[in-house]
Amino acid sequence: MFHSDPEILGGTPVFIGTRVPIETLLDCLEADDWLNEFLDHFPSVSRDRAI
C-alpha cells in the first residue's frame, strides 16, 4: 500500500495517495509511539493502509 516515485519526495517510499513516508510510521513504532498517535498526526493515511 505504498509506492516510490522519483517525482514524490525524491523516490522515498510513501503511502499511496499521500506524501507521508513509510519510514515515518516505522520511526514512530520504533520509538514506542502507538499507531493511533501516528494516525492522528497523519490523517491522510488510513488505518487499513498503515497495518
N, C-alpha and C. Protein backbone atom coordinates (compact mmCIF):
# COMPACT_ATOMS: atom_id res chain seq x y z
N MET A 1 0.80 -1.16 0.00
CA MET A 1 0.00 0.00 0.00
C MET A 1 0.86 1.26 0.00
N PHE A 2 2.01 1.11 -0.59
CA PHE A 2 2.90 2.24 -0.73
C PHE A 2 3.52 2.19 -2.11
N HIS A 3 4.14 3.29 -2.49
CA HIS A 3 4.83 3.32 -3.76
C HIS A 3 6.01 4.28 -3.69
N SER A 4 6.84 4.19 -4.68
CA SER A 4 8.02 5.03 -4.79
C SER A 4 7.99 5.66 -6.18
N ASP A 5 8.09 6.99 -6.20
CA ASP A 5 8.05 7.73 -7.46
C ASP A 5 9.13 8.81 -7.37
N PRO A 6 10.04 8.88 -8.32
CA PRO A 6 11.10 9.88 -8.26
C PRO A 6 10.57 11.31 -8.19
N GLU A 7 9.32 11.53 -8.60
CA GLU A 7 8.73 12.87 -8.56
C GLU A 7 8.13 13.22 -7.18
N ILE A 8 8.03 12.23 -6.31
CA ILE A 8 7.46 12.44 -4.97
C ILE A 8 8.53 12.16 -3.94
N LEU A 9 8.93 13.19 -3.24
CA LEU A 9 9.95 13.10 -2.18
C LEU A 9 11.21 12.38 -2.66
N GLY A 10 11.57 12.61 -3.89
CA GLY A 10 12.81 12.04 -4.42
C GLY A 10 12.83 10.53 -4.49
N GLY A 11 11.66 9.91 -4.55
CA GLY A 11 11.61 8.45 -4.66
C GLY A 11 11.48 7.72 -3.33
N THR A 12 11.37 8.47 -2.24
CA THR A 12 11.17 7.85 -0.93
C THR A 12 9.84 7.10 -0.93
N PRO A 13 9.79 5.86 -0.46
CA PRO A 13 8.52 5.13 -0.42
C PRO A 13 7.51 5.85 0.48
N VAL A 14 6.32 6.10 -0.06
CA VAL A 14 5.26 6.79 0.67
C VAL A 14 3.98 5.97 0.60
N PHE A 15 3.04 6.26 1.51
CA PHE A 15 1.71 5.66 1.44
C PHE A 15 1.05 6.17 0.18
N ILE A 16 0.39 5.29 -0.56
CA ILE A 16 -0.28 5.66 -1.80
C ILE A 16 -1.28 6.79 -1.54
N GLY A 17 -1.22 7.80 -2.40
CA GLY A 17 -2.13 8.92 -2.30
C GLY A 17 -1.74 9.98 -1.29
N THR A 18 -0.55 9.84 -0.69
CA THR A 18 -0.08 10.81 0.30
C THR A 18 1.38 11.16 0.02
N ARG A 19 1.91 12.06 0.82
CA ARG A 19 3.33 12.35 0.82
C ARG A 19 3.93 11.93 2.17
N VAL A 20 3.29 10.98 2.83
CA VAL A 20 3.75 10.51 4.13
C VAL A 20 4.67 9.31 3.92
N PRO A 21 5.97 9.47 4.27
CA PRO A 21 6.91 8.37 4.08
C PRO A 21 6.60 7.18 4.99
N ILE A 22 6.79 5.99 4.45
CA ILE A 22 6.65 4.76 5.24
C ILE A 22 7.60 4.81 6.44
N GLU A 23 8.76 5.37 6.23
CA GLU A 23 9.77 5.47 7.29
C GLU A 23 9.24 6.22 8.51
N THR A 24 8.34 7.18 8.31
CA THR A 24 7.77 7.92 9.43
C THR A 24 6.99 6.99 10.34
N LEU A 25 6.21 6.10 9.78
CA LEU A 25 5.47 5.12 10.59
C LEU A 25 6.45 4.22 11.33
N LEU A 26 7.45 3.72 10.64
CA LEU A 26 8.42 2.83 11.28
C LEU A 26 9.17 3.53 12.41
N ASP A 27 9.52 4.79 12.21
CA ASP A 27 10.19 5.57 13.26
C ASP A 27 9.29 5.73 14.48
N CYS A 28 8.02 5.98 14.26
CA CYS A 28 7.07 6.12 15.37
C CYS A 28 6.95 4.83 16.15
N LEU A 29 6.82 3.73 15.44
CA LEU A 29 6.68 2.44 16.11
C LEU A 29 7.95 2.06 16.85
N GLU A 30 9.09 2.39 16.28
CA GLU A 30 10.37 2.10 16.93
C GLU A 30 10.52 2.90 18.23
N ALA A 31 9.94 4.09 18.26
CA ALA A 31 10.01 4.94 19.44
C ALA A 31 8.89 4.64 20.43
N ASP A 32 8.21 3.50 20.25
CA ASP A 32 7.11 3.07 21.11
C ASP A 32 5.90 3.98 21.06
N ASP A 33 5.76 4.76 19.99
CA ASP A 33 4.54 5.54 19.79
C ASP A 33 3.49 4.57 19.26
N TRP A 34 2.25 4.83 19.59
CA TRP A 34 1.18 3.95 19.17
C TRP A 34 0.71 4.29 17.78
N LEU A 35 0.17 3.31 17.09
CA LEU A 35 -0.37 3.50 15.75
C LEU A 35 -1.43 4.61 15.75
N ASN A 36 -2.27 4.65 16.78
CA ASN A 36 -3.31 5.68 16.83
C ASN A 36 -2.71 7.08 16.84
N GLU A 37 -1.61 7.26 17.53
CA GLU A 37 -0.95 8.56 17.57
C GLU A 37 -0.43 8.93 16.18
N PHE A 38 0.16 7.98 15.48
CA PHE A 38 0.62 8.21 14.11
C PHE A 38 -0.56 8.63 13.23
N LEU A 39 -1.66 7.90 13.32
CA LEU A 39 -2.83 8.19 12.50
C LEU A 39 -3.43 9.55 12.84
N ASP A 40 -3.35 9.96 14.10
CA ASP A 40 -3.83 11.29 14.49
C ASP A 40 -3.00 12.39 13.84
N HIS A 41 -1.70 12.16 13.73
CA HIS A 41 -0.79 13.15 13.15
C HIS A 41 -0.84 13.15 11.62
N PHE A 42 -1.22 12.05 11.03
CA PHE A 42 -1.24 11.92 9.56
C PHE A 42 -2.60 11.38 9.11
N PRO A 43 -3.63 12.23 9.17
CA PRO A 43 -4.99 11.77 8.84
C PRO A 43 -5.16 11.34 7.38
N SER A 44 -4.21 11.68 6.52
CA SER A 44 -4.33 11.25 5.12
C SER A 44 -4.00 9.77 4.95
N VAL A 45 -3.46 9.14 5.98
CA VAL A 45 -3.14 7.71 5.96
C VAL A 45 -4.26 6.97 6.67
N SER A 46 -4.92 6.08 5.99
CA SER A 46 -5.99 5.31 6.62
C SER A 46 -5.41 4.19 7.48
N ARG A 47 -6.19 3.76 8.44
CA ARG A 47 -5.77 2.66 9.30
C ARG A 47 -5.47 1.42 8.47
N ASP A 48 -6.31 1.15 7.47
CA ASP A 48 -6.11 -0.02 6.61
C ASP A 48 -4.76 0.02 5.91
N ARG A 49 -4.32 1.19 5.50
CA ARG A 49 -3.03 1.30 4.82
C ARG A 49 -1.86 1.15 5.76
N ALA A 50 -2.06 1.54 7.01
CA ALA A 50 -0.95 1.54 7.98
C ALA A 50 -0.70 0.17 8.60
N ILE A 51 -1.70 -0.73 8.54
CA ILE A 51 -1.48 -2.03 9.19
C ILE A 51 -1.27 -3.12 8.16
